[in-house]
Amino acid sequence: MAPLTLGHELVGTVTEVVGDGVKLRPGTRVAIEGNLFCGECEWCKAGRHNICPFSGQLGQRTDGGLAQFVAAPEYCCIPYADELPVEQAALAEPLSVAVRAVRRGGIGLGSRVGVVGGGTIGLLTAQVARIAGADTVLLVEPHPGRRALASSFGAAVAVTPDEAEAAAGPATGGHGLDVVLDCAGARAATPLAIRLTRRGGRTVLVAIYPGDLTFDPLDFLGSEKELVASMSHSYTSDYPDAVRLLETGRVDVRPLITDRVALPDVVKAGFEALVAEPQNHLKVVVDPRQPDA
């Protein structure tokens, strides 16, 4: 409950450990997976901690990473290689969301994939889909700079929403898109993602937004499509795999970091800048180690 410190995408260095049996040692650099869960419900016992009905996050249920120090459970802390720059490690959390989305989509060798939305999650999802073996990735995004970035990440085609339906066939040699992932967080995006999905294909809902979802159920039923949700990530698989992708350089997050600010400047140079110019920013890295301006 408020007031609390925000920040659920974070990394840090262990300074102190509390409790018996803790294996982490001070000085260890860790990427911090911020999901909290009860550990007792049927979903937790089945290993699906991300859909625990009592779940929360660091920075939402308890104090988070916009501070010089944060208390985190050991399971949240994934050590990473010293060679990985800290600001790149800070993107492990959004990358883990992309890793889970690709898994939920069943994307594999030869898949034809569409990604609706070219923000951080969409651009990461496009990269992870290619790593998973996707033959073609079509990215849908209104902003030209983000379309260009998607192309540099391996998207075969990057188009505007108005161009998407006409482009899907030619981009896949007439096959159509087997899996389409909605990463946009906009009301019109999910119906578009469903329309882009080929008959018998799968649409993955990754982004969130308030309100109802409207689509043509007759077309959906007649084409026997699937609509699945991908919620956050798993700390036992998706998050560690995201850290390994960063360590090995298989996913490039450097172009996604659009600014770096000191902790005292986070409101003006961080939040307010994102609100004022959302198309000019993807990820703003906040560094509490920087000296005050």
Protein backbone atom coordinates (compact mmCIF):
# COMPACT_ATOMS: atom_id res chain seq x y z
CA MET A 1 0.00 0.00 0.00
CA ALA A 2 1.08 3.59 -0.63
CA PRO A 3 3.29 5.27 0.20
CA LEU A 4 6.00 3.01 -1.18
CA THR A 5 9.06 3.15 -3.40
CA LEU A 6 8.42 2.24 -7.05
CA GLY A 7 10.68 0.20 -9.30
CA HIS A 8 10.18 -3.42 -10.40
CA GLU A 9 12.85 -3.68 -13.14
CA LEU A 10 16.10 -3.61 -11.21
CA VAL A 11 19.57 -4.94 -10.64
CA GLY A 12 21.89 -4.55 -7.70
CA THR A 13 24.86 -5.81 -5.73
CA VAL A 14 24.26 -7.83 -2.58
CA THR A 15 25.43 -5.82 0.43
CA GLU A 16 23.96 -7.90 3.26
CA VAL A 17 22.17 -11.21 3.72
CA VAL A 18 19.69 -12.01 6.48
CA GLY A 19 18.41 -15.42 7.51
CA ASP A 20 19.67 -18.99 7.67
CA GLY A 21 20.61 -20.91 4.57
CA VAL A 22 21.04 -17.92 2.27
CA LYS A 23 23.60 -18.87 -0.39
CA LEU A 24 24.15 -15.45 -1.94
CA ARG A 25 27.20 -13.63 -0.69
CA PRO A 26 27.86 -9.89 -0.36
CA GLY A 27 29.42 -8.48 -3.49
CA THR A 28 27.40 -10.69 -5.86
CA ARG A 29 25.85 -8.81 -8.79
CA VAL A 30 22.24 -9.86 -9.27
CA ALA A 31 19.34 -9.17 -11.58
CA ILE A 32 16.26 -8.99 -9.38
CA GLU A 33 13.09 -10.75 -10.47
CA GLY A 34 10.43 -8.81 -8.60
CA ASN A 35 7.45 -11.18 -8.53
CA LEU A 36 6.08 -12.02 -5.08
CA PHE A 37 3.71 -14.92 -4.41
CA CYS A 38 2.17 -16.91 -1.58
CA GLY A 39 3.83 -20.30 -2.22
CA GLU A 40 0.82 -22.14 -0.82
CA CYS A 41 -1.96 -22.00 -3.44
CA GLU A 42 -2.51 -24.68 -6.09
CA TRP A 43 -0.91 -22.53 -8.78
CA CYS A 44 2.25 -21.93 -6.76
CA LYS A 45 2.49 -25.63 -5.97
CA ALA A 46 2.19 -26.36 -9.68
CA GLY A 47 5.07 -23.99 -10.41
CA ARG A 48 2.85 -21.29 -11.93
CA HIS A 49 3.83 -18.58 -9.47
CA ASN A 50 3.15 -15.86 -12.02
CA ILE A 51 -0.62 -16.45 -11.77
CA CYS A 52 -0.79 -16.78 -7.99
CA PRO A 53 -4.01 -14.97 -6.93
CA PHE A 54 -2.06 -13.34 -4.11
CA SER A 55 0.85 -12.23 -6.29
CA GLY A 56 2.43 -8.80 -6.31
CA GLN A 57 5.72 -7.17 -7.18
CA LEU A 58 8.55 -5.28 -5.63
CA GLY A 59 7.70 -1.66 -6.25
CA GLN A 60 3.97 -2.37 -6.20
CA ARG A 61 3.23 -4.40 -3.08
CA THR A 62 6.42 -3.53 -1.22
CA ASP A 63 9.27 -1.08 -1.72
CA GLY A 64 11.10 -1.39 -5.02
CA GLY A 65 14.21 -0.39 -6.87
CA LEU A 66 14.11 3.41 -7.11
CA ALA A 67 16.38 3.63 -4.10
CA GLN A 68 19.98 3.01 -3.11
CA PHE A 69 18.99 -0.14 -1.21
CA VAL A 70 16.14 -2.63 -1.52
CA ALA A 71 15.23 -5.79 0.40
CA ALA A 72 14.48 -8.76 -1.88
CA PRO A 73 13.91 -12.49 -1.30
CA GLU A 74 16.83 -14.68 -2.36
CA TYR A 75 14.78 -16.46 -5.03
CA CYS A 76 14.32 -13.09 -6.75
CA CYS A 77 18.07 -12.57 -7.14
CA ILE A 78 19.71 -14.13 -10.21
CA PRO A 79 23.50 -13.72 -10.32
CA TYR A 80 24.88 -12.53 -13.64
CA ALA A 81 28.31 -12.39 -15.20
CA ASP A 82 30.59 -9.51 -14.30
CA GLU A 83 31.18 -8.91 -18.02
CA LEU A 84 27.53 -7.92 -18.56
CA PRO A 85 27.12 -4.14 -18.17
CA VAL A 86 24.79 -3.28 -15.34
CA GLU A 87 22.45 -1.15 -17.47
CA GLN A 88 21.93 -4.05 -19.86
CA ALA A 89 21.27 -6.43 -16.98
CA ALA A 90 18.56 -4.00 -15.84
CA LEU A 91 16.48 -5.05 -18.85
CA ALA A 92 16.32 -8.69 -17.78
CA GLU A 93 12.77 -8.22 -16.45
CA PRO A 94 11.16 -6.97 -19.70
CA LEU A 95 13.21 -9.51 -21.65
CA SER A 96 11.81 -12.29 -19.45
CA VAL A 97 8.30 -11.15 -20.41
CA ALA A 98 9.26 -11.60 -24.07
CA VAL A 99 10.77 -15.02 -23.34
CA ARG A 100 7.53 -16.19 -21.75
CA ALA A 101 5.39 -14.75 -24.54
CA VAL A 102 7.36 -16.65 -27.18
CA ARG A 103 6.98 -19.84 -25.13
CA ARG A 104 3.25 -19.31 -24.71
CA GLY A 105 3.00 -18.83 -28.44
CA GLY A 106 4.71 -22.14 -29.13
CA ILE A 107 7.08 -20.40 -31.52
CA GLY A 108 9.71 -22.68 -32.97
CA LEU A 109 11.69 -23.54 -36.08
CA GLY A 110 9.95 -22.22 -39.19
CA SER A 111 7.21 -20.25 -37.42
CA ARG A 112 5.80 -17.21 -39.17
CA VAL A 113 5.32 -14.63 -36.46
CA GLY A 114 3.64 -11.26 -36.15
CA VAL A 115 4.33 -8.78 -33.35
CA VAL A 116 1.88 -5.93 -32.86
CA GLY A 117 3.56 -3.04 -31.04
CA GLY A 118 7.14 -1.85 -31.33
CA GLY A 119 7.77 -0.71 -27.78
CA THR A 120 10.34 -2.37 -25.53
CA ILE A 121 8.39 -5.60 -25.10
CA GLY A 122 7.51 -5.87 -28.79
CA LEU A 123 11.08 -5.26 -29.95
CA LEU A 124 12.42 -7.78 -27.46
CA THR A 125 9.76 -10.29 -28.48
CA ALA A 126 10.78 -9.93 -32.12
CA GLN A 127 14.38 -10.75 -31.18
CA VAL A 128 13.44 -13.72 -29.00
CA ALA A 129 11.12 -15.09 -31.70
CA ARG A 130 14.03 -15.11 -34.16
CA ILE A 131 16.24 -16.86 -31.60
CA ALA A 132 13.49 -19.46 -31.09
CA GLY A 133 13.64 -20.28 -34.80
CA ALA A 134 10.98 -18.09 -36.38
CA ASP A 135 11.35 -18.05 -40.16
CA THR A 136 9.66 -14.66 -40.57
CA VAL A 137 8.86 -11.86 -38.13
CA LEU A 138 6.46 -9.09 -39.17
CA LEU A 139 6.30 -6.16 -36.78
CA VAL A 140 3.42 -3.68 -36.68
CA GLU A 141 4.19 -0.23 -35.31
CA PRO A 142 3.06 3.31 -36.26
CA HIS A 143 6.35 5.02 -35.30
CA PRO A 144 8.94 4.96 -38.13
CA GLY A 145 11.94 5.01 -35.82
CA ARG A 146 10.74 1.93 -34.00
CA ARG A 147 10.00 0.16 -37.29
CA ALA A 148 13.57 0.84 -38.36
CA LEU A 149 14.84 -0.54 -35.06
CA ALA A 150 12.73 -3.68 -35.54
CA SER A 151 14.31 -4.23 -38.94
CA SER A 152 17.76 -3.96 -37.40
CA PHE A 153 16.71 -6.62 -34.89
CA GLY A 154 15.81 -9.09 -37.63
CA ALA A 155 12.17 -8.36 -38.45
CA ALA A 156 11.67 -9.23 -42.11
CA VAL A 157 8.91 -6.66 -42.50
CA ALA A 158 7.97 -3.66 -40.36
CA VAL A 159 4.72 -1.92 -41.27
CA THR A 160 2.11 0.47 -39.94
CA PRO A 161 -1.18 -0.86 -38.54
CA ASP A 162 -2.96 0.24 -41.72
CA GLU A 163 -0.54 -1.79 -43.84
CA ALA A 164 -0.44 -4.90 -41.68
CA GLU A 165 -3.25 -7.04 -43.08
CA ALA A 166 -2.17 -6.49 -46.67
CA ALA A 167 1.45 -7.25 -45.79
CA ALA A 168 0.96 -10.51 -43.89
CA GLY A 169 0.39 -12.71 -46.93
CA PRO A 170 3.29 -11.49 -49.09
CA ALA A 171 5.65 -11.46 -46.09
CA THR A 172 5.02 -15.17 -45.49
CA GLY A 173 4.80 -16.38 -49.09
CA GLY A 174 1.03 -16.67 -48.78
CA HIS A 175 1.25 -18.92 -45.71
CA GLY A 176 -0.03 -16.38 -43.18
CA LEU A 177 1.09 -15.72 -39.62
CA ASP A 178 1.10 -18.79 -37.37
CA VAL A 179 1.47 -16.78 -34.16
CA VAL A 180 0.71 -13.11 -33.54
CA LEU A 181 1.68 -11.49 -30.26
CA ASP A 182 -0.11 -8.36 -29.08
CA CYS A 183 2.52 -6.26 -27.30
CA ALA A 184 0.94 -2.87 -27.96
CA GLY A 185 -1.25 -2.10 -24.96
CA ALA A 186 -3.79 -0.32 -27.17
CA ARG A 187 -7.47 -1.21 -27.52
CA ALA A 188 -7.35 -1.60 -31.31
CA ALA A 189 -4.28 -3.84 -31.25
CA THR A 190 -5.80 -7.10 -30.03
CA PRO A 191 -8.56 -7.29 -32.69
CA LEU A 192 -5.88 -6.54 -35.29
CA ALA A 193 -3.65 -9.28 -33.89
CA ILE A 194 -6.53 -11.77 -34.08
CA ARG A 195 -7.29 -10.78 -37.69
CA LEU A 196 -3.63 -11.16 -38.61
CA THR A 197 -3.50 -14.69 -37.20
CA ARG A 198 -3.95 -17.37 -39.86
CA ARG A 199 -6.65 -20.03 -39.68
CA GLY A 200 -5.77 -22.49 -36.94
CA GLY A 201 -3.14 -20.11 -35.58
CA ARG A 202 -2.57 -18.59 -32.18
CA THR A 203 -2.85 -15.05 -30.85
CA VAL A 204 -0.93 -14.25 -27.66
CA LEU A 205 -2.14 -11.44 -25.43
CA VAL A 206 0.97 -9.94 -23.81
CA ALA A 207 0.08 -6.28 -23.27
CA ILE A 208 -2.54 -4.95 -20.89
CA TYR A 209 -5.10 -2.17 -21.03
CA PRO A 210 -8.41 -1.48 -19.29
CA GLY A 211 -11.78 -2.22 -20.82
CA ASP A 212 -13.46 -4.92 -22.87
CA LEU A 213 -12.08 -6.86 -25.84
CA THR A 214 -14.24 -6.81 -28.97
CA PHE A 215 -13.73 -9.11 -31.94
CA ASP A 216 -15.81 -11.17 -34.37
CA PRO A 217 -16.57 -14.48 -32.60
CA LEU A 218 -18.00 -16.06 -35.77
CA ASP A 219 -14.76 -15.54 -37.66
CA PHE A 220 -12.77 -16.64 -34.62
CA LEU A 221 -14.77 -19.84 -34.26
CA GLY A 222 -14.92 -20.59 -37.97
CA SER A 223 -11.16 -20.37 -38.31
CA GLU A 224 -10.52 -22.25 -35.05
CA LYS A 225 -7.94 -19.79 -33.81
CA GLU A 226 -6.56 -19.80 -30.29
CA LEU A 227 -6.29 -16.82 -27.96
CA VAL A 228 -3.90 -17.31 -25.05
CA ALA A 229 -2.59 -15.00 -22.35
CA SER A 230 1.02 -14.57 -21.32
CA MET A 231 1.33 -13.17 -17.82
CA SER A 232 4.65 -11.70 -16.70
CA HIS A 233 7.25 -14.47 -16.40
CA SER A 234 8.41 -17.43 -14.35
CA TYR A 235 11.30 -16.90 -11.95
CA THR A 236 12.39 -20.54 -12.39
CA SER A 237 12.76 -20.50 -16.19
CA ASP A 238 11.87 -17.33 -18.11
CA TYR A 239 13.87 -14.93 -15.95
CA PRO A 240 17.09 -16.98 -15.69
CA ASP A 241 16.88 -17.64 -19.44
CA ALA A 242 16.56 -13.90 -20.07
CA VAL A 243 19.70 -13.27 -18.00
CA ARG A 244 21.58 -15.90 -20.01
CA LEU A 245 20.46 -14.32 -23.30
CA LEU A 246 21.88 -11.01 -22.12
CA GLU A 247 25.12 -12.56 -20.90
CA THR A 248 25.73 -14.27 -24.23
CA GLY A 249 24.81 -11.21 -26.27
CA ARG A 250 22.16 -13.09 -28.23
CA VAL A 251 19.67 -10.31 -27.44
CA ASP A 252 20.80 -6.73 -27.95
CA VAL A 253 19.17 -4.29 -25.54
CA ARG A 254 21.56 -1.39 -26.04
CA PRO A 255 19.40 0.50 -28.59
CA LEU A 256 16.43 0.27 -26.21
CA ILE A 257 18.13 2.38 -23.55
CA THR A 258 17.15 5.88 -24.61
CA ASP A 259 18.37 7.82 -21.58
CA ARG A 260 20.22 7.54 -18.29
CA VAL A 261 19.33 9.62 -15.26
CA ALA A 262 20.45 9.96 -11.65
CA LEU A 263 18.05 8.96 -8.90
CA PRO A 264 17.37 12.57 -7.75
CA ASP A 265 16.32 13.44 -11.32
CA VAL A 266 13.96 10.53 -11.85
CA VAL A 267 10.72 12.55 -11.74
CA LYS A 268 11.68 15.38 -14.08
CA ALA A 269 14.13 13.61 -16.41
CA GLY A 270 12.45 10.22 -16.16
CA PHE A 271 8.69 10.11 -15.59
CA GLU A 272 7.88 13.57 -16.93
CA ALA A 273 10.06 13.04 -20.01
CA LEU A 274 8.28 9.76 -20.75
CA VAL A 275 4.88 11.41 -20.44
CA ALA A 276 5.87 14.43 -22.55
CA GLU A 277 7.61 12.50 -25.35
CA PRO A 278 6.57 8.85 -25.18
CA GLN A 279 7.61 8.11 -28.76
CA ASN A 280 11.16 9.32 -28.11
CA HIS A 281 11.83 6.94 -25.25
CA LEU A 282 11.88 3.20 -24.67
CA LYS A 283 13.81 2.53 -21.46
CA VAL A 284 15.23 5.19 -19.15
CA VAL A 285 17.86 3.69 -16.85
CA VAL A 286 17.95 5.19 -13.36
CA ASP A 287 21.32 4.94 -11.60
CA PRO A 288 21.29 5.63 -7.84
CA ARG A 289 25.10 5.57 -7.82
CA GLN A 290 25.44 8.78 -9.81
CA PRO A 291 26.24 11.93 -7.84
CA ASP A 292 23.57 14.55 -7.36
CA ALA A 293 23.37 17.07 -10.19
